[in-house]
């Protein structure tokens, strides 16, 4: 399936999201009425990889069937799973809908290595991955529910690329933006990226200021949430010249 072309996202908005934590982003989305945006139950597999920010490229699995999902299907280079890996572009995140089924892996180290070489921004699956020890060393941000040795064909049949999917209970549409950090992954609907990106960046900076005050002994009252005096001090800190100036 060929995805409908979408207007490019503003690189500055993506940079702003990269500054914000998933906790901050979920709060901003909550303010806009979205309560189901965090892909719960997924952990970061590659601790040495950078924070993840990228556009969703989706792959949907349905339950496997024994007479169809045999090992010889992998002789077909156009198998949907392999086709997805070869179509994910730089800056995109491969999002796999595995129905939360983790008894068989959704992919392994060779495919994820290929995605890393192709410049993908990350991989997200609500299933499991095989070759966990090798994947852990990749520079690619990877999020999954855990490890499993069994090949995906035992339980998964890849059917659709670039269609809306459900991943970890969250609706993900092609082109939505996935942000990942140590807490996990949040899905930002594409049309809300320019709405919440700068708000999330600003919240992050304010909370860094508040954290410094609390760490220095300030009480919560008046500090968190910030009252007028704290907000004034924050604005003054933003205007003050840095040591390097």
C-alpha atoms as a PDB file:
ATOM      1  CA  UNK A   1       0.000   0.000   0.000  1.00  0.00           C
ATOM      2  CA  UNK A   2       1.316   3.451  -0.915  1.00  0.00           C
ATOM      3  CA  UNK A   3       0.891   6.071   1.789  1.00  0.00           C
ATOM      4  CA  UNK A   4      -0.739   9.381   0.918  1.00  0.00           C
ATOM      5  CA  UNK A   5       1.928  12.116   0.897  1.00  0.00           C
ATOM      6  CA  UNK A   6       1.783  14.350   3.965  1.00  0.00           C
ATOM      7  CA  UNK A   7       3.032  17.888   4.426  1.00  0.00           C
ATOM      8  CA  UNK A   8       6.500  17.884   6.001  1.00  0.00           C
ATOM      9  CA  UNK A   9       6.724  18.555   9.720  1.00  0.00           C
ATOM     10  CA  UNK A  10       8.611  21.613  10.934  1.00  0.00           C
ATOM     11  CA  UNK A  11      12.124  20.501  12.005  1.00  0.00           C
ATOM     12  CA  UNK A  12      11.988  23.052  14.834  1.00  0.00           C
ATOM     13  CA  UNK A  13       8.881  21.349  16.221  1.00  0.00           C
ATOM     14  CA  UNK A  14      10.620  17.984  16.150  1.00  0.00           C
ATOM     15  CA  UNK A  15      13.636  19.533  17.881  1.00  0.00           C
ATOM     16  CA  UNK A  16      11.333  20.942  20.565  1.00  0.00           C
ATOM     17  CA  UNK A  17       9.810  17.495  21.136  1.00  0.00           C
ATOM     18  CA  UNK A  18      13.308  16.071  21.443  1.00  0.00           C
ATOM     19  CA  UNK A  19      13.890  18.405  24.411  1.00  0.00           C
ATOM     20  CA  UNK A  20      10.726  17.315  26.218  1.00  0.00           C
ATOM     21  CA  UNK A  21      10.228  14.142  28.244  1.00  0.00           C
ATOM     22  CA  UNK A  22       7.429  11.715  27.444  1.00  0.00           C
ATOM     23  CA  UNK A  23       5.959  12.666  30.833  1.00  0.00           C
ATOM     24  CA  UNK A  24       5.769  16.315  29.782  1.00  0.00           C
ATOM     25  CA  UNK A  25       4.354  15.458  26.367  1.00  0.00           C
ATOM     26  CA  UNK A  26       1.603  13.267  27.833  1.00  0.00           C
ATOM     27  CA  UNK A  27       0.640  16.168  30.110  1.00  0.00           C
ATOM     28  CA  UNK A  28       0.387  18.533  27.157  1.00  0.00           C
ATOM     29  CA  UNK A  29      -1.710  16.026  25.216  1.00  0.00           C
ATOM     30  CA  UNK A  30      -3.911  15.566  28.302  1.00  0.00           C
ATOM     31  CA  UNK A  31      -4.544  19.341  28.282  1.00  0.00           C
ATOM     32  CA  UNK A  32      -5.883  18.921  24.748  1.00  0.00           C
ATOM     33  CA  UNK A  33      -8.201  16.102  25.768  1.00  0.00           C
ATOM     34  CA  UNK A  34      -6.061  13.096  24.756  1.00  0.00           C
ATOM     35  CA  UNK A  35      -5.755  10.559  27.575  1.00  0.00           C
ATOM     36  CA  UNK A  36      -4.621   7.429  25.699  1.00  0.00           C
ATOM     37  CA  UNK A  37      -1.317   8.310  24.075  1.00  0.00           C
ATOM     38  CA  UNK A  38       1.277   6.440  26.182  1.00  0.00           C
ATOM     39  CA  UNK A  39       2.232   2.973  24.927  1.00  0.00           C
ATOM     40  CA  UNK A  40       2.227   1.244  28.303  1.00  0.00           C
ATOM     41  CA  UNK A  41       4.271  -1.876  28.985  1.00  0.00           C
ATOM     42  CA  UNK A  42       7.115  -1.211  26.557  1.00  0.00           C
ATOM     43  CA  UNK A  43      10.717  -0.884  27.697  1.00  0.00           C
ATOM     44  CA  UNK A  44      13.781   0.652  26.107  1.00  0.00           C
ATOM     45  CA  UNK A  45      15.925  -2.170  24.720  1.00  0.00           C
ATOM     46  CA  UNK A  46      18.936  -0.086  23.607  1.00  0.00           C
ATOM     47  CA  UNK A  47      20.129   1.980  26.583  1.00  0.00           C
ATOM     48  CA  UNK A  48      22.988   3.531  24.640  1.00  0.00           C
ATOM     49  CA  UNK A  49      20.751   4.892  21.882  1.00  0.00           C
ATOM     50  CA  UNK A  50      19.628   8.525  21.763  1.00  0.00           C
ATOM     51  CA  UNK A  51      16.111   9.741  22.541  1.00  0.00           C
ATOM     52  CA  UNK A  52      13.637   8.730  19.866  1.00  0.00           C
ATOM     53  CA  UNK A  53      11.651  11.221  17.795  1.00  0.00           C
ATOM     54  CA  UNK A  54      10.277  10.203  14.413  1.00  0.00           C
ATOM     55  CA  UNK A  55       7.287   9.697  12.148  1.00  0.00           C
ATOM     56  CA  UNK A  56       5.411   6.409  12.345  1.00  0.00           C
ATOM     57  CA  UNK A  57       5.725   3.821   9.598  1.00  0.00           C
ATOM     58  CA  UNK A  58       3.261   1.094  10.538  1.00  0.00           C
ATOM     59  CA  UNK A  59       3.239  -2.686  10.106  1.00  0.00           C
ATOM     60  CA  UNK A  60       0.218  -4.759  11.141  1.00  0.00           C
ATOM     61  CA  UNK A  61       0.325  -8.426  12.098  1.00  0.00           C
ATOM     62  CA  UNK A  62      -2.626 -10.788  12.413  1.00  0.00           C
ATOM     63  CA  UNK A  63      -2.494 -14.276  13.987  1.00  0.00           C
ATOM     64  CA  UNK A  64      -0.453 -16.771  11.972  1.00  0.00           C
ATOM     65  CA  UNK A  65      -2.013 -19.775  10.249  1.00  0.00           C
ATOM     66  CA  UNK A  66      -0.078 -23.040  10.008  1.00  0.00           C
ATOM     67  CA  UNK A  67      -0.756 -23.747   6.322  1.00  0.00           C
ATOM     68  CA  UNK A  68       0.359 -20.279   5.245  1.00  0.00           C
ATOM     69  CA  UNK A  69       3.089 -19.172   7.638  1.00  0.00           C
ATOM     70  CA  UNK A  70       5.888 -21.600   6.876  1.00  0.00           C
ATOM     71  CA  UNK A  71       9.611 -20.872   6.811  1.00  0.00           C
ATOM     72  CA  UNK A  72       9.771 -20.820   3.013  1.00  0.00           C
ATOM     73  CA  UNK A  73       7.769 -17.569   2.896  1.00  0.00           C
ATOM     74  CA  UNK A  74      11.018 -15.835   3.838  1.00  0.00           C
ATOM     75  CA  UNK A  75      12.404 -16.767   0.418  1.00  0.00           C
ATOM     76  CA  UNK A  76      10.154 -13.979  -0.878  1.00  0.00           C
ATOM     77  CA  UNK A  77      12.006 -10.665  -0.621  1.00  0.00           C
ATOM     78  CA  UNK A  78       8.629  -8.918  -0.914  1.00  0.00           C
ATOM     79  CA  UNK A  79       7.313 -10.544   2.258  1.00  0.00           C
ATOM     80  CA  UNK A  80       5.483  -7.675   4.058  1.00  0.00           C
ATOM     81  CA  UNK A  81       7.805  -7.761   7.059  1.00  0.00           C
ATOM     82  CA  UNK A  82      10.909  -7.504   4.849  1.00  0.00           C
ATOM     83  CA  UNK A  83       9.201  -4.964   2.582  1.00  0.00           C
ATOM     84  CA  UNK A  84       8.481  -2.769   5.612  1.00  0.00           C
ATOM     85  CA  UNK A  85      12.121  -2.817   6.660  1.00  0.00           C
ATOM     86  CA  UNK A  86      13.233  -1.796   3.174  1.00  0.00           C
ATOM     87  CA  UNK A  87      10.646   1.001   2.950  1.00  0.00           C
ATOM     88  CA  UNK A  88      11.149   2.709   6.297  1.00  0.00           C
ATOM     89  CA  UNK A  89      12.941   5.934   5.527  1.00  0.00           C
ATOM     90  CA  UNK A  90      15.361   8.128   7.462  1.00  0.00           C
ATOM     91  CA  UNK A  91      13.633   9.766  10.403  1.00  0.00           C
ATOM     92  CA  UNK A  92      10.810   7.225  10.506  1.00  0.00           C
ATOM     93  CA  UNK A  93       9.926   4.825  13.317  1.00  0.00           C
ATOM     94  CA  UNK A  94       8.792   1.299  12.449  1.00  0.00           C
ATOM     95  CA  UNK A  95       5.704   0.672  14.616  1.00  0.00           C
ATOM     96  CA  UNK A  96       4.589  -2.971  14.747  1.00  0.00           C
ATOM     97  CA  UNK A  97       1.117  -3.997  15.855  1.00  0.00           C
ATOM     98  CA  UNK A  98       1.525  -7.467  17.359  1.00  0.00           C
ATOM     99  CA  UNK A  99      -1.781  -7.461  19.258  1.00  0.00           C
ATOM    100  CA  UNK A 100       0.252  -7.561  22.455  1.00  0.00           C
ATOM    101  CA  UNK A 101       1.244 -11.158  21.669  1.00  0.00           C
ATOM    102  CA  UNK A 102       4.770 -11.836  22.871  1.00  0.00           C
ATOM    103  CA  UNK A 103       5.231 -15.605  22.692  1.00  0.00           C
ATOM    104  CA  UNK A 104       6.920 -15.208  19.296  1.00  0.00           C
ATOM    105  CA  UNK A 105       9.250 -12.364  18.312  1.00  0.00           C
ATOM    106  CA  UNK A 106       8.125  -9.650  15.925  1.00  0.00           C
ATOM    107  CA  UNK A 107      11.653  -9.163  14.490  1.00  0.00           C
ATOM    108  CA  UNK A 108      15.306  -9.876  15.168  1.00  0.00           C
ATOM    109  CA  UNK A 109      18.768  -8.367  15.087  1.00  0.00           C
ATOM    110  CA  UNK A 110      19.398  -8.616  11.326  1.00  0.00           C
ATOM    111  CA  UNK A 111      16.261  -6.683  10.418  1.00  0.00           C
ATOM    112  CA  UNK A 112      16.858  -4.068  13.107  1.00  0.00           C
ATOM    113  CA  UNK A 113      20.469  -3.688  11.996  1.00  0.00           C
ATOM    114  CA  UNK A 114      19.193  -3.005   8.490  1.00  0.00           C
ATOM    115  CA  UNK A 115      16.830  -0.357   9.853  1.00  0.00           C
ATOM    116  CA  UNK A 116      19.685   1.250  11.762  1.00  0.00           C
ATOM    117  CA  UNK A 117      21.851   1.392   8.628  1.00  0.00           C
ATOM    118  CA  UNK A 118      18.957   2.911   6.682  1.00  0.00           C
ATOM    119  CA  UNK A 119      18.740   5.790   9.152  1.00  0.00           C
ATOM    120  CA  UNK A 120      15.482   4.854  10.832  1.00  0.00           C
ATOM    121  CA  UNK A 121      14.620   6.903  13.910  1.00  0.00           C
ATOM    122  CA  UNK A 122      13.549   3.868  15.922  1.00  0.00           C
ATOM    123  CA  UNK A 123      11.537   0.690  16.324  1.00  0.00           C
ATOM    124  CA  UNK A 124       8.446   0.214  18.492  1.00  0.00           C
ATOM    125  CA  UNK A 125       6.613  -3.083  18.955  1.00  0.00           C
ATOM    126  CA  UNK A 126       3.998  -4.198  21.453  1.00  0.00           C
ATOM    127  CA  UNK A 127       5.390  -7.682  20.926  1.00  0.00           C
ATOM    128  CA  UNK A 128       8.802  -9.144  21.637  1.00  0.00           C
ATOM    129  CA  UNK A 129      12.167  -9.311  19.869  1.00  0.00           C
ATOM    130  CA  UNK A 130      14.693 -12.095  19.382  1.00  0.00           C
ATOM    131  CA  UNK A 131      18.491 -11.709  19.522  1.00  0.00           C
ATOM    132  CA  UNK A 132      18.054  -9.379  22.480  1.00  0.00           C
ATOM    133  CA  UNK A 133      21.734  -9.414  23.410  1.00  0.00           C
ATOM    134  CA  UNK A 134      22.771  -8.159  19.966  1.00  0.00           C
ATOM    135  CA  UNK A 135      19.924  -5.642  19.686  1.00  0.00           C
ATOM    136  CA  UNK A 136      20.891  -4.082  23.023  1.00  0.00           C
ATOM    137  CA  UNK A 137      24.132  -2.879  21.437  1.00  0.00           C
ATOM    138  CA  UNK A 138      22.528  -1.142  18.443  1.00  0.00           C
ATOM    139  CA  UNK A 139      22.652   2.675  18.213  1.00  0.00           C
ATOM    140  CA  UNK A 140      18.986   2.567  17.143  1.00  0.00           C
ATOM    141  CA  UNK A 141      16.270   3.447  19.702  1.00  0.00           C
ATOM    142  CA  UNK A 142      14.229   0.249  20.190  1.00  0.00           C
ATOM    143  CA  UNK A 143      11.184  -0.332  22.414  1.00  0.00           C
ATOM    144  CA  UNK A 144       9.509  -3.696  23.007  1.00  0.00           C
ATOM    145  CA  UNK A 145       7.653  -5.680  25.640  1.00  0.00           C
ATOM    146  CA  UNK A 146      10.582  -8.068  26.133  1.00  0.00           C
ATOM    147  CA  UNK A 147      12.599 -10.889  24.538  1.00  0.00           C
ATOM    148  CA  UNK A 148      11.432 -14.111  22.863  1.00  0.00           C
ATOM    149  CA  UNK A 149      13.425 -16.676  20.896  1.00  0.00           C
ATOM    150  CA  UNK A 150      10.599 -18.051  18.725  1.00  0.00           C
ATOM    151  CA  UNK A 151      10.407 -16.811  15.115  1.00  0.00           C
ATOM    152  CA  UNK A 152       7.523 -14.485  14.345  1.00  0.00           C
ATOM    153  CA  UNK A 153       5.939 -16.939  11.876  1.00  0.00           C
ATOM    154  CA  UNK A 154       4.843 -19.119  14.782  1.00  0.00           C
ATOM    155  CA  UNK A 155       2.233 -16.570  15.823  1.00  0.00           C
ATOM    156  CA  UNK A 156       2.381 -13.539  13.510  1.00  0.00           C
ATOM    157  CA  UNK A 157       1.319 -13.003   9.909  1.00  0.00           C
ATOM    158  CA  UNK A 158       2.367  -9.643   8.431  1.00  0.00           C
ATOM    159  CA  UNK A 159      -0.437  -8.197   6.329  1.00  0.00           C
ATOM    160  CA  UNK A 160      -0.507  -4.405   6.069  1.00  0.00           C
ATOM    161  CA  UNK A 161       1.933  -1.532   5.751  1.00  0.00           C
ATOM    162  CA  UNK A 162       1.137   2.114   6.403  1.00  0.00           C
ATOM    163  CA  UNK A 163      -2.364   1.628   7.821  1.00  0.00           C
ATOM    164  CA  UNK A 164      -3.721   2.728  11.213  1.00  0.00           C
ATOM    165  CA  UNK A 165      -2.708   0.216  13.880  1.00  0.00           C
ATOM    166  CA  UNK A 166      -3.149  -0.390  17.572  1.00  0.00           C
ATOM    167  CA  UNK A 167       0.173  -0.651  19.391  1.00  0.00           C
ATOM    168  CA  UNK A 168       0.153  -1.263  23.153  1.00  0.00           C
ATOM    169  CA  UNK A 169      -3.463  -0.160  23.215  1.00  0.00           C
ATOM    170  CA  UNK A 170      -2.836   3.158  21.456  1.00  0.00           C
ATOM    171  CA  UNK A 171      -4.068   4.139  17.990  1.00  0.00           C
ATOM    172  CA  UNK A 172      -1.102   5.002  15.774  1.00  0.00           C
ATOM    173  CA  UNK A 173      -1.632   6.444  12.305  1.00  0.00           C
ATOM    174  CA  UNK A 174       1.076   6.630   9.642  1.00  0.00           C
ATOM    175  CA  UNK A 175       2.871   9.935  10.044  1.00  0.00           C
ATOM    176  CA  UNK A 176       2.078  10.386  13.727  1.00  0.00           C
ATOM    177  CA  UNK A 177       5.160  11.261  15.757  1.00  0.00           C
ATOM    178  CA  UNK A 178       6.577   8.764  18.254  1.00  0.00           C
ATOM    179  CA  UNK A 179       8.721  10.102  21.087  1.00  0.00           C
ATOM    180  CA  UNK A 180      10.674   7.718  23.304  1.00  0.00           C
ATOM    181  CA  UNK A 181      12.823   8.086  26.404  1.00  0.00           C
ATOM    182  CA  UNK A 182      13.633   6.084  29.549  1.00  0.00           C
ATOM    183  CA  UNK A 183       9.964   6.128  30.616  1.00  0.00           C
ATOM    184  CA  UNK A 184       8.695   4.656  27.344  1.00  0.00           C
ATOM    185  CA  UNK A 185       6.923   5.849  24.213  1.00  0.00           C
ATOM    186  CA  UNK A 186       4.211   8.426  23.545  1.00  0.00           C
ATOM    187  CA  UNK A 187       2.321   8.925  20.277  1.00  0.00           C
ATOM    188  CA  UNK A 188       1.673  12.517  19.210  1.00  0.00           C
ATOM    189  CA  UNK A 189      -1.055  12.828  16.554  1.00  0.00           C
ATOM    190  CA  UNK A 190       0.552  14.502  13.566  1.00  0.00           C
ATOM    191  CA  UNK A 191      -1.819  17.483  13.478  1.00  0.00           C
ATOM    192  CA  UNK A 192      -1.031  18.264  17.130  1.00  0.00           C
ATOM    193  CA  UNK A 193       2.741  18.338  16.714  1.00  0.00           C
ATOM    194  CA  UNK A 194       2.879  22.094  15.956  1.00  0.00           C
ATOM    195  CA  UNK A 195       0.341  22.739  18.726  1.00  0.00           C
ATOM    196  CA  UNK A 196       2.098  21.023  21.622  1.00  0.00           C
ATOM    197  CA  UNK A 197       5.780  20.958  20.641  1.00  0.00           C
ATOM    198  CA  UNK A 198       6.713  24.431  21.907  1.00  0.00           C
ATOM    199  CA  UNK A 199       4.352  24.110  24.885  1.00  0.00           C
ATOM    200  CA  UNK A 200       6.085  20.891  25.903  1.00  0.00           C
ATOM    201  CA  UNK A 201       9.498  22.492  25.458  1.00  0.00           C
ATOM    202  CA  UNK A 202       8.492  25.440  27.637  1.00  0.00           C
ATOM    203  CA  UNK A 203       6.994  23.171  30.331  1.00  0.00           C
ATOM    204  CA  UNK A 204      10.217  21.182  30.382  1.00  0.00           C
ATOM    205  CA  UNK A 205      12.331  24.301  30.914  1.00  0.00           C
ATOM    206  CA  UNK A 206      10.049  25.612  33.649  1.00  0.00           C
ATOM    207  CA  UNK A 207      10.089  22.265  35.458  1.00  0.00           C
ATOM    208  CA  UNK A 208      13.882  22.148  35.294  1.00  0.00           C
ATOM    209  CA  UNK A 209      13.899  25.525  37.059  1.00  0.00           C
ATOM    210  CA  UNK A 210      11.374  24.299  39.645  1.00  0.00           C
ATOM    211  CA  UNK A 211      13.376  21.119  40.254  1.00  0.00           C
ATOM    212  CA  UNK A 212      16.490  23.173  40.963  1.00  0.00           C
ATOM    213  CA  UNK A 213      14.535  25.248  43.509  1.00  0.00           C
ATOM    214  CA  UNK A 214      13.069  22.186  45.216  1.00  0.00           C
ATOM    215  CA  UNK A 215      16.513  20.554  45.327  1.00  0.00           C
ATOM    216  CA  UNK A 216      17.812  23.727  46.999  1.00  0.00           C
ATOM    217  CA  UNK A 217      15.198  23.423  49.751  1.00  0.00           C
ATOM    218  CA  UNK A 218      12.180  25.363  48.473  1.00  0.00           C
ATOM    219  CA  UNK A 219       8.787  24.055  49.716  1.00  0.00           C
ATOM    220  CA  UNK A 220       6.162  22.855  47.273  1.00  0.00           C
ATOM    221  CA  UNK A 221       3.754  25.654  48.220  1.00  0.00           C
ATOM    222  CA  UNK A 222       4.374  28.485  45.797  1.00  0.00           C
ATOM    223  CA  UNK A 223       6.984  26.493  43.903  1.00  0.00           C
ATOM    224  CA  UNK A 224       5.109  23.551  42.465  1.00  0.00           C
ATOM    225  CA  UNK A 225       2.815  24.549  40.938  1.00  0.00           C
ATOM    226  CA  UNK A 226       4.579  27.828  40.395  1.00  0.00           C
ATOM    227  CA  UNK A 227       2.950  30.954  41.822  1.00  0.00           C
ATOM    228  CA  UNK A 228       3.414  34.446  40.393  1.00  0.00           C
ATOM    229  CA  UNK A 229       6.644  35.013  42.314  1.00  0.00           C
ATOM    230  CA  UNK A 230       8.207  31.762  41.111  1.00  0.00           C
ATOM    231  CA  UNK A 231       7.129  32.465  37.538  1.00  0.00           C
ATOM    232  CA  UNK A 232       8.663  35.929  37.768  1.00  0.00           C
ATOM    233  CA  UNK A 233      11.923  34.440  39.033  1.00  0.00           C
ATOM    234  CA  UNK A 234      11.844  31.936  36.183  1.00  0.00           C
ATOM    235  CA  UNK A 235      11.395  34.661  33.570  1.00  0.00           C
ATOM    236  CA  UNK A 236      14.229  36.655  35.111  1.00  0.00           C
ATOM    237  CA  UNK A 237      16.461  33.572  34.947  1.00  0.00           C
ATOM    238  CA  UNK A 238      15.675  33.233  31.264  1.00  0.00           C
ATOM    239  CA  UNK A 239      16.723  36.840  30.632  1.00  0.00           C
ATOM    240  CA  UNK A 240      19.904  36.687  32.697  1.00  0.00           C
ATOM    241  CA  UNK A 241      23.125  36.398  30.646  1.00  0.00           C
ATOM    242  CA  UNK A 242      24.822  33.022  30.773  1.00  0.00           C
ATOM    243  CA  UNK A 243      28.352  32.592  32.132  1.00  0.00           C
ATOM    244  CA  UNK A 244      29.677  32.078  28.602  1.00  0.00           C
ATOM    245  CA  UNK A 245      28.195  35.367  27.333  1.00  0.00           C
END
